């Protein structure tokens, strides 16, 4: 594993404990290790989320808000971690939550872009607030995290989310002395997160490399099961009805996100496809570590992404969890 990503090793279970790669989940339940109460709650939540996404590409926000418990910022440290919210653009409701341990610095910075299919959750959502705090508490090399809130579907399609992610990064870079704690080292920044957030992290990293933001140095990109796609993939066929994320959900999200008339070979989805940005000429594109699960419809696209980065002459690492579903890291009970 490349040196730049040593701080991320505690984010995932030990890959040596994972069995050999599988081609599907068959009749077994990949979430069987979870307590039945957790499985039942997850099932209810995902059914509600599915029912809130309508065929006309609208979303029942009232229904989703019932599931989206919010966590307030804590300017006074809780368990050694403080957090504060900072506005980037009031018209777009663009803001981020900065987390910082009380430890002395200098500490690396993670720019965190939450998942949720470009359509749900926020930087203030309880699961993401908890994850950021947990990450700071468990990573041996303590970090500062800036968790970004961006505009959502259906009201805002591509490229709004990419614009928001990049503008938040630029705002953090230009105002780091006032919006980040004094122990933050912006010469060691990482872009990270999962699913749709992993997609955003890649595209924001590309924009940053093209724009050459001077105030920060992005040392690494950490997309965790990023939401990429294309016209067809074998892992989508094998895992069509996988738990957490299935092909029907993917179809709806791409339909709602991509420009009207675009197919999945659009560069926003198929980042290594026929319309891909030529990353070989982007000297500032950082080293990348990609996390992939075997029981995930996205699996093949993540392998292709890794292989494309290598062909482009970029430093890249692929970490596979063959028996894991999409979003498995949200369930610490899994082996």
Protein backbone atom coordinates (compact mmCIF):
# COMPACT_ATOMS: atom_id res chain seq x y z
CA UNK A 1 0.00 0.00 0.00
CA UNK A 2 1.35 3.41 -0.91
CA UNK A 3 2.74 5.46 1.92
CA UNK A 4 0.40 8.41 1.42
CA UNK A 5 -2.57 6.32 2.53
CA UNK A 6 -1.29 4.90 5.78
CA UNK A 7 -3.78 7.07 7.64
CA UNK A 8 -6.70 5.29 5.92
CA UNK A 9 -5.84 1.73 6.85
CA UNK A 10 -8.05 1.76 9.94
CA UNK A 11 -11.14 2.65 7.87
CA UNK A 12 -11.65 -0.95 6.74
CA UNK A 13 -11.45 -4.46 8.22
CA UNK A 14 -8.29 -6.46 7.56
CA UNK A 15 -8.42 -7.72 3.95
CA UNK A 16 -6.50 -10.85 5.02
CA UNK A 17 -9.63 -11.97 6.83
CA UNK A 18 -11.71 -11.85 3.65
CA UNK A 19 -12.32 -15.06 1.66
CA UNK A 20 -11.58 -15.52 -2.05
CA UNK A 21 -13.61 -13.56 -4.61
CA UNK A 22 -17.16 -14.69 -5.32
CA UNK A 23 -19.32 -14.21 -8.41
CA UNK A 24 -22.55 -13.46 -6.58
CA UNK A 25 -24.26 -13.79 -3.27
CA UNK A 26 -26.41 -16.77 -4.25
CA UNK A 27 -28.90 -17.89 -1.65
CA UNK A 28 -26.80 -16.79 1.34
CA UNK A 29 -27.35 -13.51 3.13
CA UNK A 30 -24.17 -11.41 3.06
CA UNK A 31 -25.55 -9.41 5.99
CA UNK A 32 -26.25 -12.50 8.10
CA UNK A 33 -23.58 -11.52 10.61
CA UNK A 34 -25.58 -8.45 11.59
CA UNK A 35 -27.98 -8.60 14.54
CA UNK A 36 -31.54 -9.19 13.34
CA UNK A 37 -32.56 -5.79 14.70
CA UNK A 38 -29.94 -4.06 12.54
CA UNK A 39 -30.98 -6.05 9.45
CA UNK A 40 -34.64 -5.28 10.04
CA UNK A 41 -33.99 -1.56 10.53
CA UNK A 42 -31.79 -1.43 7.41
CA UNK A 43 -34.48 -3.22 5.39
CA UNK A 44 -37.15 -0.74 6.49
CA UNK A 45 -34.93 2.25 5.80
CA UNK A 46 -34.00 1.15 2.30
CA UNK A 47 -37.61 0.30 1.41
CA UNK A 48 -38.68 3.78 2.47
CA UNK A 49 -35.86 5.33 0.49
CA UNK A 50 -36.88 3.37 -2.61
CA UNK A 51 -40.52 4.36 -2.26
CA UNK A 52 -39.51 8.02 -1.95
CA UNK A 53 -37.90 7.98 -5.43
CA UNK A 54 -40.63 8.42 -8.04
CA UNK A 55 -40.80 7.44 -11.69
CA UNK A 56 -41.01 11.10 -12.73
CA UNK A 57 -37.55 11.66 -11.15
CA UNK A 58 -38.99 13.56 -8.19
CA UNK A 59 -38.26 12.68 -4.56
CA UNK A 60 -40.55 12.72 -1.54
CA UNK A 61 -38.39 14.89 0.71
CA UNK A 62 -40.85 14.79 3.60
CA UNK A 63 -40.63 11.01 3.71
CA UNK A 64 -36.84 10.99 3.59
CA UNK A 65 -36.55 13.61 6.32
CA UNK A 66 -38.23 11.18 8.70
CA UNK A 67 -35.15 8.97 8.38
CA UNK A 68 -32.53 11.72 8.37
CA UNK A 69 -31.68 12.43 11.98
CA UNK A 70 -29.42 15.47 12.33
CA UNK A 71 -26.45 15.99 14.63
CA UNK A 72 -25.63 19.55 15.70
CA UNK A 73 -22.07 20.92 15.58
CA UNK A 74 -20.15 20.82 18.85
CA UNK A 75 -17.85 23.84 19.17
CA UNK A 76 -17.07 22.63 22.68
CA UNK A 77 -15.19 19.32 22.33
CA UNK A 78 -17.07 16.08 22.88
CA UNK A 79 -14.80 13.08 23.54
CA UNK A 80 -11.85 15.20 22.44
CA UNK A 81 -13.37 16.29 19.09
CA UNK A 82 -14.92 19.66 18.26
CA UNK A 83 -16.92 20.60 15.16
CA UNK A 84 -18.20 23.82 13.59
CA UNK A 85 -20.20 24.68 10.45
CA UNK A 86 -18.96 27.17 7.82
CA UNK A 87 -20.94 28.65 4.93
CA UNK A 88 -19.45 28.76 1.44
CA UNK A 89 -22.45 30.02 -0.57
CA UNK A 90 -25.81 30.87 1.01
CA UNK A 91 -27.68 30.87 -2.32
CA UNK A 92 -26.70 27.26 -2.92
CA UNK A 93 -26.86 26.20 0.73
CA UNK A 94 -23.23 25.14 0.28
CA UNK A 95 -21.40 24.63 3.55
CA UNK A 96 -19.13 22.22 5.37
CA UNK A 97 -18.60 20.92 8.89
CA UNK A 98 -15.04 20.99 10.17
CA UNK A 99 -14.04 18.37 12.75
CA UNK A 100 -10.86 18.66 14.76
CA UNK A 101 -9.27 16.69 17.59
CA UNK A 102 -7.86 18.59 20.53
CA UNK A 103 -4.43 17.08 19.85
CA UNK A 104 -1.60 19.34 18.77
CA UNK A 105 -0.65 19.37 15.10
CA UNK A 106 0.26 19.56 12.40
CA UNK A 107 -2.37 17.02 11.26
CA UNK A 108 -3.40 15.91 7.75
CA UNK A 109 -6.79 17.02 6.41
CA UNK A 110 -9.51 14.89 4.81
CA UNK A 111 -12.03 16.67 2.57
CA UNK A 112 -15.03 14.38 3.03
CA UNK A 113 -17.85 14.16 0.45
CA UNK A 114 -20.78 12.17 1.80
CA UNK A 115 -22.66 9.48 -0.10
CA UNK A 116 -26.40 9.10 -0.59
CA UNK A 117 -26.89 8.74 -4.34
CA UNK A 118 -26.47 12.49 -4.98
CA UNK A 119 -29.95 12.82 -3.51
CA UNK A 120 -30.16 12.22 0.25
CA UNK A 121 -28.39 12.83 3.56
CA UNK A 122 -26.12 15.73 4.46
CA UNK A 123 -22.95 16.65 6.31
CA UNK A 124 -25.15 17.08 9.40
CA UNK A 125 -26.79 13.65 9.09
CA UNK A 126 -26.21 11.61 12.22
CA UNK A 127 -24.53 8.63 10.44
CA UNK A 128 -21.99 10.87 8.68
CA UNK A 129 -21.32 13.04 11.71
CA UNK A 130 -20.76 9.85 13.70
CA UNK A 131 -18.51 8.37 10.99
CA UNK A 132 -16.28 11.46 10.92
CA UNK A 133 -15.90 11.38 14.69
CA UNK A 134 -15.24 7.65 14.63
CA UNK A 135 -12.62 8.07 11.91
CA UNK A 136 -10.74 10.71 13.89
CA UNK A 137 -10.90 8.52 16.98
CA UNK A 138 -9.69 5.31 15.29
CA UNK A 139 -7.04 6.46 12.82
CA UNK A 140 -3.63 6.27 14.54
CA UNK A 141 -2.40 9.44 12.80
CA UNK A 142 -5.06 11.91 13.96
CA UNK A 143 -6.70 13.97 11.24
CA UNK A 144 -8.81 17.07 10.67
CA UNK A 145 -11.96 16.50 8.58
CA UNK A 146 -13.98 18.98 6.52
CA UNK A 147 -17.32 17.34 5.63
CA UNK A 148 -18.99 19.06 2.66
CA UNK A 149 -22.71 19.54 2.05
CA UNK A 150 -23.72 19.87 -1.62
CA UNK A 151 -26.93 20.28 -3.65
CA UNK A 152 -29.11 17.21 -4.27
CA UNK A 153 -31.19 15.55 -6.94
CA UNK A 154 -33.82 15.84 -8.26
CA UNK A 155 -33.80 19.61 -8.01
CA UNK A 156 -30.15 19.85 -9.08
CA UNK A 157 -28.64 17.58 -11.72
CA UNK A 158 -25.12 17.22 -13.06
CA UNK A 159 -22.83 19.17 -12.80
CA UNK A 160 -24.14 21.01 -9.72
CA UNK A 161 -22.68 18.51 -7.25
CA UNK A 162 -19.24 18.72 -8.87
CA UNK A 163 -19.38 22.53 -8.86
CA UNK A 164 -20.25 22.50 -5.15
CA UNK A 165 -17.51 20.02 -4.24
CA UNK A 166 -14.85 21.98 -6.08
CA UNK A 167 -16.03 25.36 -4.76
CA UNK A 168 -15.99 23.99 -1.20
CA UNK A 169 -12.43 22.74 -1.71
CA UNK A 170 -11.35 26.11 -3.09
CA UNK A 171 -13.02 27.94 -0.19
CA UNK A 172 -11.30 25.69 2.34
CA UNK A 173 -7.98 26.27 0.56
CA UNK A 174 -8.37 30.05 0.48
CA UNK A 175 -9.63 30.35 4.06
CA UNK A 176 -7.91 27.48 5.84
CA UNK A 177 -6.42 29.73 8.49
CA UNK A 178 -9.88 30.76 9.69
CA UNK A 179 -12.12 27.75 8.93
CA UNK A 180 -9.78 24.94 10.00
CA UNK A 181 -8.15 24.51 13.36
CA UNK A 182 -4.58 25.63 13.91
CA UNK A 183 -3.42 22.01 13.96
CA UNK A 184 -4.50 21.43 10.32
CA UNK A 185 -1.76 20.88 7.75
CA UNK A 186 -3.23 21.79 4.34
CA UNK A 187 -0.07 20.59 2.61
CA UNK A 188 -1.36 17.07 3.36
CA UNK A 189 -4.94 16.96 2.07
CA UNK A 190 -6.90 13.87 1.01
CA UNK A 191 -10.21 13.68 -0.86
CA UNK A 192 -12.36 10.80 0.36
CA UNK A 193 -15.70 9.11 0.73
CA UNK A 194 -18.01 6.41 -0.53
CA UNK A 195 -20.52 5.71 -3.30
CA UNK A 196 -21.79 8.98 -4.83
CA UNK A 197 -19.30 10.82 -2.63
CA UNK A 198 -16.51 8.69 -4.12
CA UNK A 199 -17.66 9.73 -7.58
CA UNK A 200 -17.59 13.36 -6.48
CA UNK A 201 -14.15 12.95 -4.91
CA UNK A 202 -12.71 11.73 -8.23
CA UNK A 203 -14.21 14.55 -10.28
CA UNK A 204 -13.23 17.20 -7.73
CA UNK A 205 -9.68 15.82 -7.73
CA UNK A 206 -9.58 16.08 -11.54
CA UNK A 207 -10.82 19.67 -11.44
CA UNK A 208 -8.30 20.52 -8.76
CA UNK A 209 -5.49 19.03 -10.87
CA UNK A 210 -6.65 21.02 -13.90
CA UNK A 211 -6.95 24.25 -11.89
CA UNK A 212 -3.75 23.85 -9.85
CA UNK A 213 -5.06 25.21 -6.56
CA UNK A 214 -1.98 26.61 -4.90
CA UNK A 215 -3.04 26.94 -1.26
CA UNK A 216 -3.46 23.20 -0.58
CA UNK A 217 -1.63 20.07 -1.65
CA UNK A 218 -3.86 17.08 -2.37
CA UNK A 219 -1.74 14.06 -1.53
CA UNK A 220 -4.27 11.31 -2.12
CA UNK A 221 -7.69 10.26 -3.34
CA UNK A 222 -9.65 7.65 -1.35
CA UNK A 223 -12.81 6.58 -3.24
CA UNK A 224 -14.63 3.84 -1.29
CA UNK A 225 -16.91 1.84 -3.62
CA UNK A 226 -17.38 4.96 -5.78
CA UNK A 227 -20.60 5.21 -7.79
CA UNK A 228 -19.27 4.75 -11.33
CA UNK A 229 -21.01 3.10 -14.26
CA UNK A 230 -21.21 2.41 -17.96
CA UNK A 231 -23.36 0.80 -20.58
CA UNK A 232 -23.08 -2.76 -19.25
CA UNK A 233 -21.12 -4.67 -16.62
CA UNK A 234 -20.90 -8.33 -15.60
CA UNK A 235 -20.98 -7.44 -11.91
CA UNK A 236 -24.32 -5.72 -12.51
CA UNK A 237 -25.69 -8.96 -13.96
CA UNK A 238 -24.27 -11.12 -11.16
CA UNK A 239 -25.42 -8.79 -8.41
CA UNK A 240 -28.60 -7.39 -9.94
CA UNK A 241 -30.58 -7.79 -6.71
CA UNK A 242 -27.77 -7.25 -4.22
CA UNK A 243 -28.66 -5.74 -0.84
CA UNK A 244 -28.07 -2.05 -0.08
CA UNK A 245 -27.58 -1.10 -3.75
CA UNK A 246 -29.21 -2.96 -6.63
CA UNK A 247 -29.38 -2.36 -10.38
CA UNK A 248 -32.87 -0.83 -10.29
CA UNK A 249 -31.65 1.80 -7.84
CA UNK A 250 -28.62 2.49 -10.03
CA UNK A 251 -30.87 2.91 -13.09
CA UNK A 252 -32.98 5.52 -11.31
CA UNK A 253 -30.01 7.46 -9.96
CA UNK A 254 -28.20 7.69 -13.31
CA UNK A 255 -31.45 8.63 -15.03
CA UNK A 256 -32.01 11.43 -12.51
CA UNK A 257 -28.39 12.63 -12.39
CA UNK A 258 -27.02 12.62 -15.95
CA UNK A 259 -27.93 15.31 -18.50
CA UNK A 260 -31.08 14.57 -20.48
CA UNK A 261 -30.28 12.37 -23.46
CA UNK A 262 -26.94 11.18 -22.05
CA UNK A 263 -26.15 7.50 -21.68
CA UNK A 264 -23.94 5.86 -19.06
CA UNK A 265 -20.81 6.35 -21.11
CA UNK A 266 -21.03 10.01 -20.12
CA UNK A 267 -17.79 11.03 -18.41
CA UNK A 268 -19.61 11.62 -15.11
CA UNK A 269 -20.51 7.94 -14.91
CA UNK A 270 -17.98 6.02 -16.98
CA UNK A 271 -14.91 7.88 -15.77
CA UNK A 272 -12.57 5.51 -17.62
CA UNK A 273 -14.74 5.17 -20.74
CA UNK A 274 -14.74 6.70 -24.23
CA UNK A 275 -15.40 10.25 -22.97
CA UNK A 276 -12.94 10.11 -20.07
CA UNK A 277 -10.65 12.98 -19.17
CA UNK A 278 -7.04 12.31 -20.20
CA UNK A 279 -5.52 12.00 -16.74
CA UNK A 280 -2.09 11.11 -18.14
CA UNK A 281 -1.46 14.83 -18.68
CA UNK A 282 -2.59 15.81 -15.17
CA UNK A 283 0.63 15.83 -13.18
CA UNK A 284 -1.20 17.04 -10.06
CA UNK A 285 -3.72 14.17 -9.95
CA UNK A 286 -2.85 12.41 -6.68
CA UNK A 287 -2.21 8.78 -5.88
CA UNK A 288 -5.44 6.81 -5.48
CA UNK A 289 -6.53 3.89 -3.35
CA UNK A 290 -9.83 2.28 -4.46
CA UNK A 291 -11.95 0.02 -2.26
CA UNK A 292 -14.23 -2.53 -3.96
CA UNK A 293 -16.70 -5.14 -2.71
CA UNK A 294 -17.33 -8.40 -4.58
CA UNK A 295 -21.08 -8.42 -3.94
CA UNK A 296 -21.56 -4.95 -5.36
CA UNK A 297 -23.02 -4.15 -8.81
CA UNK A 298 -20.30 -1.48 -9.11
CA UNK A 299 -17.43 -3.93 -8.69
CA UNK A 300 -16.34 -4.23 -12.36
CA UNK A 301 -16.39 -0.47 -12.89
CA UNK A 302 -14.07 0.01 -9.94
CA UNK A 303 -11.59 -2.53 -11.30
CA UNK A 304 -11.69 -0.80 -14.68
CA UNK A 305 -11.12 2.54 -12.94
CA UNK A 306 -8.05 1.20 -11.16
CA UNK A 307 -6.67 -0.34 -14.37
CA UNK A 308 -7.29 2.92 -16.25
CA UNK A 309 -5.37 4.91 -13.66
CA UNK A 310 -2.44 2.52 -13.94
CA UNK A 311 -2.47 2.75 -17.75
CA UNK A 312 -2.46 6.54 -17.39
CA UNK A 313 0.76 6.31 -15.41
CA UNK A 314 -0.85 7.17 -12.07
CA UNK A 315 -0.03 5.64 -8.72
CA UNK A 316 -3.00 3.49 -7.73
CA UNK A 317 -3.91 0.68 -5.37
CA UNK A 318 -6.98 -1.58 -5.41
CA UNK A 319 -8.23 -3.16 -2.18
CA UNK A 320 -10.83 -5.90 -2.67
CA UNK A 321 -13.32 -7.23 -0.15
CA UNK A 322 -14.74 -10.15 -2.14
CA UNK A 323 -17.62 -11.09 0.18
CA UNK A 324 -18.76 -7.54 0.96
CA UNK A 325 -21.82 -5.64 -0.25
CA UNK A 326 -22.09 -1.98 -1.14
CA UNK A 327 -21.76 0.17 1.96
CA UNK A 328 -20.48 -2.65 4.20
CA UNK A 329 -18.28 -0.24 6.18
CA UNK A 330 -21.44 1.24 7.69
CA UNK A 331 -21.92 -2.03 9.60
CA UNK A 332 -19.03 -2.49 12.06
CA UNK A 333 -20.60 -5.81 13.16
CA UNK A 334 -19.60 -7.47 9.88
CA UNK A 335 -16.52 -9.72 10.13
